[in-house]
Amino acid sequence: MARLIDLIIMRHLPTYGNQQKQYIGWTNQEILDAEVPPLTNQEIQVYSSDLIRCIQTSTLYFPRSTVHTDASFRELHFGDWEEKTYADLQFDTAYRNWIDRPLESTPPKGESFSEFETRVHQALFNLLDTSDSPLILVVHGGVIRLIKSWFTLTPFQQAAAGHNTVFHFTLEKKESWSCISYSEVPITASEPLFTRILKETM
């Protein structure tokens, strides 16, 4: 019998580095001051990167949640390019090579794309195999782009992952996990989604 799970993913709220268009993969920046309404007041389980911006976002969106953190859901580690911008790096040959071939090049003292993909893949599919529906993640833009590339066949470079969107996958497992429906909902319009999905689990 096939198994179904709702996978709901959100990106953390913006940080100073995001505002300045910095690369802040493993840099542990806090979110900017934000007043956001909770997405639900129900007690739920949330899975998050262990970096503070994801934990802070999780507690704002889900104030009665238990937040489970996992370093495997971190953003790509940009190495020497952490907290740098395009303007800082545009004349760096290694950076230009990485911009042209991000899946094949690696930031100096950073993480290769294959290392990034492997750790996220292992963490996500372990959760899918061991968790109940819905599975709620609060993670980073690169992690969301990876997951979209796996389940919607959108190339990683073309996948978008804004701060103000809920990414909703309905996944089915027969021999392996596949996506049977996908939608993107603005955060401001997502309350009915959470109400419906969480009600189904009660």
N, C-alpha and C. Protein backbone atom coordinates (compact mmCIF):
# COMPACT_ATOMS: atom_id res chain seq x y z
N MET A 1 0.84 -1.20 0.00
CA MET A 1 0.00 0.00 0.00
C MET A 1 0.88 1.25 0.00
N ALA A 2 0.53 2.21 -0.84
CA ALA A 2 1.31 3.43 -0.94
C ALA A 2 1.17 4.27 0.33
N ARG A 3 2.23 4.97 0.68
CA ARG A 3 2.23 5.86 1.84
C ARG A 3 2.26 7.29 1.35
N LEU A 4 1.44 8.16 1.95
CA LEU A 4 1.38 9.57 1.57
C LEU A 4 1.88 10.44 2.72
N ILE A 5 2.53 11.53 2.38
CA ILE A 5 2.95 12.49 3.39
C ILE A 5 2.92 13.89 2.79
N ASP A 6 2.42 14.84 3.58
CA ASP A 6 2.49 16.25 3.20
C ASP A 6 3.80 16.82 3.71
N LEU A 7 4.60 17.34 2.79
CA LEU A 7 5.85 17.98 3.14
C LEU A 7 5.68 19.48 2.93
N ILE A 8 5.80 20.25 4.01
CA ILE A 8 5.58 21.69 3.98
C ILE A 8 6.88 22.38 4.38
N ILE A 9 7.38 23.25 3.51
CA ILE A 9 8.68 23.86 3.73
C ILE A 9 8.57 25.38 3.65
N MET A 10 9.28 26.04 4.55
CA MET A 10 9.39 27.49 4.53
C MET A 10 10.85 27.90 4.67
N ARG A 11 11.19 29.02 4.06
CA ARG A 11 12.50 29.60 4.24
C ARG A 11 12.48 30.50 5.48
N HIS A 12 13.60 30.57 6.16
CA HIS A 12 13.72 31.47 7.31
C HIS A 12 13.43 32.92 6.91
N LEU A 13 13.06 33.73 7.88
CA LEU A 13 12.85 35.16 7.65
C LEU A 13 14.19 35.84 7.34
N PRO A 14 14.16 37.01 6.68
CA PRO A 14 15.40 37.66 6.23
C PRO A 14 16.32 38.07 7.37
N THR A 15 17.61 38.07 7.04
CA THR A 15 18.66 38.53 7.94
C THR A 15 19.31 39.79 7.34
N TYR A 16 20.19 40.39 8.10
CA TYR A 16 20.95 41.53 7.57
C TYR A 16 21.74 41.11 6.33
N GLY A 17 22.34 39.94 6.37
CA GLY A 17 23.11 39.46 5.23
C GLY A 17 22.25 39.27 4.00
N ASN A 18 21.04 38.75 4.17
CA ASN A 18 20.13 38.64 3.02
C ASN A 18 19.82 40.01 2.46
N GLN A 19 19.57 40.95 3.35
CA GLN A 19 19.24 42.31 2.94
C GLN A 19 20.39 42.93 2.14
N GLN A 20 21.62 42.61 2.52
CA GLN A 20 22.81 43.15 1.86
C GLN A 20 23.27 42.27 0.69
N LYS A 21 22.54 41.19 0.42
CA LYS A 21 22.87 40.25 -0.67
C LYS A 21 24.23 39.58 -0.45
N GLN A 22 24.50 39.24 0.81
CA GLN A 22 25.71 38.52 1.16
C GLN A 22 25.47 37.01 1.03
N TYR A 23 26.56 36.28 0.87
CA TYR A 23 26.52 34.82 1.01
C TYR A 23 26.67 34.51 2.49
N ILE A 24 25.65 33.91 3.08
CA ILE A 24 25.70 33.64 4.53
C ILE A 24 25.36 32.18 4.82
N GLY A 25 25.98 31.29 4.08
CA GLY A 25 25.68 29.87 4.26
C GLY A 25 25.69 29.39 5.70
N TRP A 26 26.88 29.32 6.31
CA TRP A 26 26.98 28.84 7.69
C TRP A 26 27.19 29.97 8.68
N THR A 27 27.22 31.21 8.19
CA THR A 27 27.32 32.36 9.10
C THR A 27 26.04 32.42 9.94
N ASN A 28 26.19 32.50 11.25
CA ASN A 28 25.03 32.31 12.13
C ASN A 28 24.37 33.65 12.48
N GLN A 29 23.79 34.28 11.47
CA GLN A 29 23.12 35.57 11.67
C GLN A 29 21.69 35.38 12.18
N GLU A 30 21.27 36.32 13.03
CA GLU A 30 19.88 36.34 13.48
C GLU A 30 19.00 37.01 12.43
N ILE A 31 17.70 36.77 12.52
CA ILE A 31 16.77 37.43 11.61
C ILE A 31 16.62 38.90 12.00
N LEU A 32 16.19 39.70 11.05
CA LEU A 32 15.86 41.09 11.34
C LEU A 32 14.62 41.13 12.22
N ASP A 33 14.44 42.21 12.95
CA ASP A 33 13.24 42.35 13.77
C ASP A 33 12.01 42.15 12.89
N ALA A 34 11.13 41.27 13.33
CA ALA A 34 9.96 40.95 12.52
C ALA A 34 8.76 40.72 13.42
N GLU A 35 7.63 41.27 13.01
CA GLU A 35 6.36 40.99 13.66
C GLU A 35 5.52 40.21 12.67
N VAL A 36 5.46 38.92 12.87
CA VAL A 36 4.70 38.06 11.96
C VAL A 36 3.69 37.26 12.76
N PRO A 37 2.49 37.09 12.24
CA PRO A 37 1.50 36.29 12.95
C PRO A 37 1.86 34.81 12.86
N PRO A 38 1.52 34.04 13.88
CA PRO A 38 1.78 32.59 13.80
C PRO A 38 0.97 31.96 12.68
N LEU A 39 1.53 30.90 12.09
CA LEU A 39 0.81 30.18 11.05
C LEU A 39 -0.17 29.19 11.65
N THR A 40 0.09 28.77 12.88
CA THR A 40 -0.85 27.96 13.64
C THR A 40 -0.46 28.04 15.11
N ASN A 41 -1.46 27.95 15.98
CA ASN A 41 -1.21 27.89 17.42
C ASN A 41 -1.30 26.46 17.93
N GLN A 42 -1.45 25.51 17.02
CA GLN A 42 -1.51 24.11 17.41
C GLN A 42 -0.12 23.62 17.81
N GLU A 43 -0.07 22.68 18.73
CA GLU A 43 1.21 22.07 19.12
C GLU A 43 1.63 21.09 18.03
N ILE A 44 2.78 21.36 17.41
CA ILE A 44 3.24 20.51 16.31
C ILE A 44 4.75 20.30 16.42
N GLN A 45 5.23 19.37 15.60
CA GLN A 45 6.65 19.09 15.49
C GLN A 45 7.20 19.82 14.25
N VAL A 46 8.27 20.58 14.43
CA VAL A 46 8.90 21.31 13.33
C VAL A 46 10.36 20.89 13.25
N TYR A 47 10.84 20.72 12.04
CA TYR A 47 12.23 20.35 11.82
C TYR A 47 12.94 21.51 11.15
N SER A 48 14.13 21.82 11.65
CA SER A 48 14.80 23.07 11.29
C SER A 48 16.30 22.86 11.15
N SER A 49 16.92 23.68 10.33
CA SER A 49 18.37 23.84 10.41
C SER A 49 18.73 24.26 11.83
N ASP A 50 19.97 23.97 12.23
CA ASP A 50 20.39 24.34 13.58
C ASP A 50 20.88 25.78 13.67
N LEU A 51 20.86 26.53 12.57
CA LEU A 51 21.31 27.93 12.61
C LEU A 51 20.20 28.82 13.16
N ILE A 52 20.60 29.88 13.84
CA ILE A 52 19.66 30.68 14.64
C ILE A 52 18.55 31.29 13.81
N ARG A 53 18.82 31.65 12.56
CA ARG A 53 17.78 32.28 11.76
C ARG A 53 16.61 31.34 11.49
N CYS A 54 16.89 30.06 11.37
CA CYS A 54 15.80 29.09 11.16
C CYS A 54 15.07 28.79 12.47
N ILE A 55 15.82 28.71 13.57
CA ILE A 55 15.18 28.45 14.86
C ILE A 55 14.27 29.62 15.24
N GLN A 56 14.75 30.85 15.07
CA GLN A 56 13.93 32.02 15.39
C GLN A 56 12.67 32.06 14.53
N THR A 57 12.81 31.76 13.27
CA THR A 57 11.65 31.76 12.37
C THR A 57 10.66 30.68 12.78
N SER A 58 11.15 29.51 13.13
CA SER A 58 10.27 28.42 13.56
C SER A 58 9.43 28.81 14.76
N THR A 59 10.05 29.47 15.73
CA THR A 59 9.31 29.82 16.95
C THR A 59 8.32 30.96 16.71
N LEU A 60 8.57 31.80 15.72
CA LEU A 60 7.61 32.84 15.38
C LEU A 60 6.41 32.27 14.62
N TYR A 61 6.68 31.43 13.64
CA TYR A 61 5.60 30.86 12.84
C TYR A 61 4.80 29.82 13.62
N PHE A 62 5.48 29.10 14.51
CA PHE A 62 4.84 27.99 15.23
C PHE A 62 5.17 28.11 16.72
N PRO A 63 4.54 29.05 17.42
CA PRO A 63 4.94 29.38 18.80
C PRO A 63 4.74 28.24 19.79
N ARG A 64 3.89 27.28 19.47
CA ARG A 64 3.68 26.16 20.40
C ARG A 64 4.34 24.88 19.89
N SER A 65 5.29 25.05 18.99
CA SER A 65 5.94 23.89 18.38
C SER A 65 7.09 23.36 19.23
N THR A 66 7.45 22.12 18.98
CA THR A 66 8.72 21.56 19.41
C THR A 66 9.62 21.59 18.19
N VAL A 67 10.75 22.30 18.30
CA VAL A 67 11.65 22.47 17.15
C VAL A 67 12.81 21.48 17.27
N HIS A 68 12.92 20.61 16.28
CA HIS A 68 14.01 19.64 16.20
C HIS A 68 15.04 20.17 15.21
N THR A 69 16.26 20.38 15.66
CA THR A 69 17.28 20.98 14.80
C THR A 69 18.24 19.92 14.25
N ASP A 70 18.73 20.19 13.05
CA ASP A 70 19.63 19.24 12.39
C ASP A 70 20.59 20.04 11.51
N ALA A 71 21.89 19.94 11.79
CA ALA A 71 22.90 20.66 11.01
C ALA A 71 22.92 20.21 9.55
N SER A 72 22.38 19.03 9.25
CA SER A 72 22.35 18.55 7.87
C SER A 72 21.46 19.42 6.98
N PHE A 73 20.57 20.20 7.59
CA PHE A 73 19.69 21.08 6.81
C PHE A 73 20.27 22.50 6.66
N ARG A 74 21.55 22.66 6.96
CA ARG A 74 22.17 23.97 6.75
C ARG A 74 22.27 24.30 5.26
N GLU A 75 22.44 25.59 5.00
CA GLU A 75 22.73 26.07 3.65
C GLU A 75 24.11 25.56 3.22
N LEU A 76 24.42 25.67 1.93
CA LEU A 76 25.76 25.40 1.44
C LEU A 76 26.77 26.25 2.20
N HIS A 77 27.92 25.66 2.54
CA HIS A 77 28.99 26.40 3.21
C HIS A 77 29.82 27.11 2.14
N PHE A 78 29.82 28.46 2.18
CA PHE A 78 30.49 29.24 1.15
C PHE A 78 31.97 29.51 1.45
N GLY A 79 32.50 28.95 2.54
CA GLY A 79 33.93 29.06 2.81
C GLY A 79 34.41 30.50 2.91
N ASP A 80 35.45 30.81 2.13
CA ASP A 80 36.04 32.15 2.17
C ASP A 80 35.09 33.23 1.67
N TRP A 81 33.99 32.83 1.04
CA TRP A 81 33.06 33.82 0.50
C TRP A 81 31.92 34.16 1.45
N GLU A 82 31.94 33.56 2.63
CA GLU A 82 30.90 33.90 3.61
C GLU A 82 30.93 35.40 3.92
N GLU A 83 29.75 36.00 3.94
CA GLU A 83 29.51 37.42 4.21
C GLU A 83 30.09 38.35 3.13
N LYS A 84 30.44 37.78 1.98
CA LYS A 84 30.87 38.59 0.85
C LYS A 84 29.69 38.74 -0.12
N THR A 85 29.76 39.74 -0.97
CA THR A 85 28.73 39.99 -1.98
C THR A 85 29.31 39.80 -3.38
N TYR A 86 28.42 39.84 -4.35
CA TYR A 86 28.88 39.77 -5.74
C TYR A 86 29.87 40.90 -6.02
N ALA A 87 29.59 42.09 -5.54
CA ALA A 87 30.48 43.23 -5.77
C ALA A 87 31.87 42.97 -5.18
N ASP A 88 31.93 42.27 -4.04
CA ASP A 88 33.21 41.96 -3.43
C ASP A 88 34.01 40.94 -4.24
N LEU A 89 33.30 40.05 -4.93
CA LEU A 89 33.94 38.87 -5.51
C LEU A 89 34.00 38.86 -7.03
N GLN A 90 33.41 39.84 -7.67
CA GLN A 90 33.19 39.75 -9.12
C GLN A 90 34.46 39.59 -9.95
N PHE A 91 35.60 40.00 -9.42
CA PHE A 91 36.84 39.89 -10.19
C PHE A 91 37.71 38.70 -9.73
N ASP A 92 37.16 37.88 -8.86
CA ASP A 92 37.86 36.69 -8.36
C ASP A 92 37.65 35.56 -9.38
N THR A 93 38.74 35.01 -9.90
CA THR A 93 38.63 33.97 -10.94
C THR A 93 37.89 32.73 -10.43
N ALA A 94 38.20 32.30 -9.21
CA ALA A 94 37.53 31.12 -8.65
C ALA A 94 36.03 31.37 -8.52
N TYR A 95 35.68 32.58 -8.12
CA TYR A 95 34.26 32.92 -7.99
C TYR A 95 33.59 32.92 -9.36
N ARG A 96 34.25 33.48 -10.37
CA ARG A 96 33.66 33.50 -11.72
C ARG A 96 33.45 32.07 -12.22
N ASN A 97 34.40 31.17 -11.93
CA ASN A 97 34.24 29.77 -12.33
C ASN A 97 33.05 29.14 -11.62
N TRP A 98 32.87 29.48 -10.34
CA TRP A 98 31.76 28.93 -9.57
C TRP A 98 30.42 29.47 -10.08
N ILE A 99 30.37 30.74 -10.42
CA ILE A 99 29.14 31.31 -10.98
C ILE A 99 28.77 30.61 -12.28
N ASP A 100 29.77 30.32 -13.11
CA ASP A 100 29.52 29.67 -14.40
C ASP A 100 29.19 28.19 -14.25
N ARG A 101 29.80 27.52 -13.26
CA ARG A 101 29.60 26.08 -13.09
C ARG A 101 29.42 25.74 -11.61
N PRO A 102 28.31 26.17 -11.02
CA PRO A 102 28.15 26.01 -9.56
C PRO A 102 28.06 24.56 -9.11
N LEU A 103 27.66 23.67 -10.00
CA LEU A 103 27.53 22.27 -9.60
C LEU A 103 28.87 21.54 -9.66
N GLU A 104 29.84 22.12 -10.36
CA GLU A 104 31.14 21.48 -10.51
C GLU A 104 32.24 22.17 -9.73
N SER A 105 32.07 23.44 -9.38
CA SER A 105 33.12 24.20 -8.69
C SER A 105 32.80 24.29 -7.20
N THR A 106 33.83 24.55 -6.40
CA THR A 106 33.68 24.61 -4.94
C THR A 106 34.28 25.89 -4.40
N PRO A 107 33.56 26.61 -3.53
CA PRO A 107 34.15 27.81 -2.92
C PRO A 107 35.40 27.45 -2.12
N PRO A 108 36.44 28.30 -2.13
CA PRO A 108 37.64 28.03 -1.34
C PRO A 108 37.30 27.81 0.14
N LYS A 109 37.76 26.69 0.69
CA LYS A 109 37.51 26.29 2.09
C LYS A 109 36.02 26.09 2.35
N GLY A 110 35.25 25.91 1.29
CA GLY A 110 33.81 25.71 1.42
C GLY A 110 33.42 24.28 1.11
N GLU A 111 32.19 24.13 0.69
CA GLU A 111 31.57 22.82 0.51
C GLU A 111 31.23 22.63 -0.96
N SER A 112 31.51 21.44 -1.47
CA SER A 112 31.13 21.15 -2.85
C SER A 112 29.63 20.94 -2.95
N PHE A 113 29.10 21.12 -4.14
CA PHE A 113 27.67 20.91 -4.34
C PHE A 113 27.28 19.47 -4.03
N SER A 114 28.13 18.52 -4.40
CA SER A 114 27.80 17.12 -4.15
C SER A 114 27.75 16.82 -2.66
N GLU A 115 28.64 17.43 -1.87
CA GLU A 115 28.61 17.24 -0.41
C GLU A 115 27.33 17.83 0.17
N PHE A 116 26.98 19.01 -0.28
CA PHE A 116 25.75 19.68 0.14
C PHE A 116 24.54 18.82 -0.19
N GLU A 117 24.47 18.36 -1.42
CA GLU A 117 23.31 17.57 -1.86
C GLU A 117 23.21 16.26 -1.09
N THR A 118 24.33 15.61 -0.85
CA THR A 118 24.31 14.32 -0.15
C THR A 118 23.80 14.45 1.27
N ARG A 119 24.27 15.47 2.01
CA ARG A 119 23.83 15.58 3.41
C ARG A 119 22.36 15.95 3.52
N VAL A 120 21.88 16.84 2.63
CA VAL A 120 20.47 17.22 2.67
C VAL A 120 19.60 16.03 2.27
N HIS A 121 20.02 15.31 1.25
CA HIS A 121 19.26 14.16 0.78
C HIS A 121 19.12 13.12 1.89
N GLN A 122 20.21 12.80 2.56
CA GLN A 122 20.16 11.81 3.62
C GLN A 122 19.24 12.25 4.76
N ALA A 123 19.33 13.52 5.15
CA ALA A 123 18.51 14.02 6.25
C ALA A 123 17.04 14.02 5.89
N LEU A 124 16.71 14.50 4.68
CA LEU A 124 15.31 14.59 4.29
C LEU A 124 14.68 13.21 4.15
N PHE A 125 15.34 12.31 3.45
CA PHE A 125 14.71 11.01 3.19
C PHE A 125 14.66 10.16 4.45
N ASN A 126 15.56 10.38 5.39
CA ASN A 126 15.43 9.73 6.69
C ASN A 126 14.17 10.21 7.41
N LEU A 127 13.91 11.53 7.35
CA LEU A 127 12.69 12.05 7.98
C LEU A 127 11.44 11.53 7.27
N LEU A 128 11.47 11.51 5.95
CA LEU A 128 10.30 11.02 5.21
C LEU A 128 9.97 9.57 5.60
N ASP A 129 11.00 8.78 5.82
CA ASP A 129 10.78 7.36 6.13
C ASP A 129 10.38 7.12 7.58
N THR A 130 10.60 8.11 8.45
CA THR A 130 10.38 7.88 9.89
C THR A 130 9.36 8.83 10.53
N SER A 131 8.85 9.81 9.77
CA SER A 131 7.97 10.82 10.35
C SER A 131 6.53 10.63 9.90
N ASP A 132 5.64 11.23 10.68
CA ASP A 132 4.23 11.26 10.31
C ASP A 132 3.95 12.49 9.47
N SER A 133 2.82 12.45 8.78
CA SER A 133 2.37 13.62 8.02
C SER A 133 1.59 14.55 8.95
N PRO A 134 1.74 15.87 8.80
CA PRO A 134 2.63 16.57 7.87
C PRO A 134 4.04 16.69 8.42
N LEU A 135 4.99 16.76 7.50
CA LEU A 135 6.38 17.01 7.85
C LEU A 135 6.68 18.46 7.53
N ILE A 136 7.02 19.25 8.56
CA ILE A 136 7.18 20.70 8.40
C ILE A 136 8.65 21.05 8.61
N LEU A 137 9.23 21.71 7.61
CA LEU A 137 10.63 22.11 7.66
C LEU A 137 10.75 23.63 7.58
N VAL A 138 11.67 24.20 8.35
CA VAL A 138 12.06 25.61 8.21
C VAL A 138 13.57 25.60 7.93
N VAL A 139 13.92 25.96 6.71
CA VAL A 139 15.30 25.77 6.26
C VAL A 139 15.77 26.97 5.43
N HIS A 140 16.76 26.74 4.58
CA HIS A 140 17.43 27.80 3.82
C HIS A 140 17.05 27.73 2.34
N GLY A 141 17.32 28.83 1.65
CA GLY A 141 16.95 28.90 0.24
C GLY A 141 17.56 27.81 -0.61
N GLY A 142 18.86 27.53 -0.42
CA GLY A 142 19.51 26.50 -1.21
C GLY A 142 18.93 25.13 -0.95
N VAL A 143 18.56 24.85 0.29
CA VAL A 143 17.96 23.55 0.63
C VAL A 143 16.61 23.40 -0.07
N ILE A 144 15.81 24.45 -0.07
CA ILE A 144 14.52 24.41 -0.75
C ILE A 144 14.71 24.21 -2.24
N ARG A 145 15.67 24.90 -2.82
CA ARG A 145 15.93 24.75 -4.26
C ARG A 145 16.34 23.32 -4.60
N LEU A 146 17.12 22.69 -3.73
CA LEU A 146 17.48 21.29 -3.93
C LEU A 146 16.25 20.40 -3.95
N ILE A 147 15.41 20.56 -2.93
CA ILE A 147 14.22 19.71 -2.81
C ILE A 147 13.29 19.92 -4.00
N LYS A 148 13.13 21.16 -4.44
CA LYS A 148 12.33 21.42 -5.63
C LYS A 148 12.92 20.74 -6.85
N SER A 149 14.24 20.75 -6.96
CA SER A 149 14.87 20.13 -8.14
C SER A 149 14.64 18.61 -8.14
N TRP A 150 14.58 17.99 -6.95
CA TRP A 150 14.35 16.55 -6.90
C TRP A 150 12.91 16.18 -7.23
N PHE A 151 11.96 16.94 -6.70
CA PHE A 151 10.56 16.52 -6.80
C PHE A 151 9.76 17.19 -7.91
N THR A 152 10.22 18.33 -8.41
CA THR A 152 9.48 19.00 -9.49
C THR A 152 10.26 19.02 -10.79
N LEU A 153 11.48 18.48 -10.78
CA LEU A 153 12.34 18.40 -11.97
C LEU A 153 12.72 19.78 -12.50
N THR A 154 12.64 20.79 -11.64
CA THR A 154 13.13 22.12 -11.99
C THR A 154 14.64 22.13 -11.78
N PRO A 155 15.45 22.53 -12.76
CA PRO A 155 16.90 22.59 -12.54
C PRO A 155 17.23 23.46 -11.33
N PHE A 156 18.22 23.04 -10.55
CA PHE A 156 18.57 23.76 -9.33
C PHE A 156 18.80 25.24 -9.59
N GLN A 157 19.51 25.57 -10.67
CA GLN A 157 19.83 26.97 -10.95
C GLN A 157 18.58 27.80 -11.25
N GLN A 158 17.51 27.15 -11.67
CA GLN A 158 16.28 27.87 -12.03
C GLN A 158 15.23 27.85 -10.92
N ALA A 159 15.46 27.06 -9.88
CA ALA A 159 14.48 26.95 -8.80
C ALA A 159 14.55 28.18 -7.90
N ALA A 160 13.41 28.76 -7.59
CA ALA A 160 13.34 29.93 -6.72
C ALA A 160 12.87 29.51 -5.33
N ALA A 161 13.29 30.27 -4.32
CA ALA A 161 12.91 29.96 -2.94
C ALA A 161 12.85 31.25 -2.13
N GLY A 162 11.77 31.98 -2.26
CA GLY A 162 11.62 33.25 -1.56
C GLY A 162 11.33 33.07 -0.08
N HIS A 163 11.47 34.16 0.67
CA HIS A 163 11.23 34.13 2.11
C HIS A 163 9.75 34.08 2.46
N ASN A 164 8.90 34.49 1.57
CA ASN A 164 7.48 34.69 1.93
C ASN A 164 6.55 33.67 1.28
N THR A 165 7.04 32.45 1.12
CA THR A 165 6.28 31.42 0.42
C THR A 165 6.27 30.13 1.23
N VAL A 166 5.14 29.44 1.19
CA VAL A 166 5.04 28.08 1.72
C VAL A 166 5.09 27.13 0.53
N PHE A 167 6.01 26.18 0.58
CA PHE A 167 6.17 25.19 -0.49
C PHE A 167 5.54 23.89 0.00
N HIS A 168 4.51 23.43 -0.71
CA HIS A 168 3.73 22.28 -0.25
C HIS A 168 3.84 21.15 -1.27
N PHE A 169 4.44 20.05 -0.84
CA PHE A 169 4.57 18.85 -1.65
C PHE A 169 3.69 17.76 -1.05
N THR A 170 2.91 17.08 -1.86
CA THR A 170 2.28 15.84 -1.43
C THR A 170 3.08 14.70 -2.06
N LEU A 171 3.69 13.90 -1.20
CA LEU A 171 4.60 12.85 -1.66
C LEU A 171 3.98 11.48 -1.43
N GLU A 172 4.30 10.59 -2.33
CA GLU A 172 3.80 9.21 -2.26
C GLU A 172 4.98 8.26 -2.32
N LYS A 173 4.95 7.25 -1.44
CA LYS A 173 6.01 6.24 -1.49
C LYS A 173 5.41 4.89 -1.87
N LYS A 174 5.88 4.38 -2.98
CA LYS A 174 5.64 3.00 -3.36
C LYS A 174 6.98 2.29 -3.20
N GLU A 175 7.75 2.22 -4.28
CA GLU A 175 9.11 1.73 -4.13
C GLU A 175 10.05 2.85 -3.69
N SER A 176 9.76 4.06 -4.13
CA SER A 176 10.54 5.23 -3.72
C SER A 176 9.60 6.41 -3.63
N TRP A 177 10.09 7.54 -3.09
CA TRP A 177 9.26 8.72 -2.93
C TRP A 177 9.12 9.48 -4.25
N SER A 178 7.89 9.87 -4.55
CA SER A 178 7.63 10.71 -5.73
C SER A 178 6.60 11.76 -5.35
N CYS A 179 6.58 12.86 -6.10
CA CYS A 179 5.66 13.96 -5.82
C CYS A 179 4.41 13.81 -6.68
N ILE A 180 3.24 13.79 -6.04
CA ILE A 180 2.00 13.68 -6.80
C ILE A 180 1.25 15.00 -6.89
N SER A 181 1.64 15.99 -6.07
CA SER A 181 1.11 17.35 -6.24
C SER A 181 2.05 18.34 -5.57
N TYR A 182 2.06 19.55 -6.12
CA TYR A 182 2.96 20.58 -5.62
C TYR A 182 2.30 21.94 -5.77
N SER A 183 2.46 22.78 -4.75
CA SER A 183 1.92 24.14 -4.85
C SER A 183 2.79 25.08 -4.03
N GLU A 184 2.72 26.36 -4.39
CA GLU A 184 3.37 27.42 -3.64
C GLU A 184 2.30 28.41 -3.21
N VAL A 185 2.29 28.73 -1.92
CA VAL A 185 1.27 29.61 -1.35
C VAL A 185 1.96 30.76 -0.64
N PRO A 186 1.54 32.00 -0.86
CA PRO A 186 2.13 33.11 -0.08
C PRO A 186 1.90 32.89 1.41
N ILE A 187 2.90 33.22 2.21
CA ILE A 187 2.77 33.08 3.66
C ILE A 187 1.49 33.74 4.16
N THR A 188 1.17 34.91 3.63
CA THR A 188 0.00 35.66 4.10
C THR A 188 -1.31 34.97 3.78
N ALA A 189 -1.28 33.98 2.87
CA ALA A 189 -2.52 33.28 2.49
C ALA A 189 -2.47 31.80 2.87
N SER A 190 -1.55 31.44 3.78
CA SER A 190 -1.32 30.02 4.03
C SER A 190 -2.12 29.45 5.19
N GLU A 191 -2.83 30.30 5.96
CA GLU A 191 -3.55 29.78 7.13
C GLU A 191 -4.53 28.66 6.78
N PRO A 192 -5.32 28.79 5.69
CA PRO A 192 -6.23 27.68 5.35
C PRO A 192 -5.49 26.37 5.07
N LEU A 193 -4.33 26.45 4.48
CA LEU A 193 -3.54 25.25 4.21
C LEU A 193 -3.17 24.55 5.52
N PHE A 194 -2.65 25.30 6.48
CA PHE A 194 -2.27 24.71 7.76
C PHE A 194 -3.50 24.20 8.52
N THR A 195 -4.57 24.97 8.48
CA THR A 195 -5.79 24.54 9.17
C THR A 195 -6.27 23.20 8.61
N ARG A 196 -6.29 23.08 7.29
CA ARG A 196 -6.78 21.85 6.66
C ARG A 196 -5.86 20.67 6.94
N ILE A 197 -4.58 20.85 6.73
CA ILE A 197 -3.66 19.73 6.86
C ILE A 197 -3.52 19.28 8.31
N LEU A 198 -3.44 20.23 9.24
CA LEU A 198 -3.31 19.86 10.63
C LEU A 198 -4.59 19.23 11.17
N LYS A 199 -5.74 19.67 10.67
CA LYS A 199 -7.01 19.07 11.08
C LYS A 199 -7.08 17.60 10.67
N GLU A 200 -6.54 17.31 9.49
CA GLU A 200 -6.57 15.93 8.98
C GLU A 200 -5.76 14.99 9.85
N THR A 201 -4.81 15.52 10.62
CA THR A 201 -3.95 14.65 11.44
C THR A 201 -4.47 14.46 12.84
N MET A 202 -5.51 15.21 13.21
CA MET A 202 -6.02 15.11 14.57
C MET A 202 -6.92 13.88 14.77
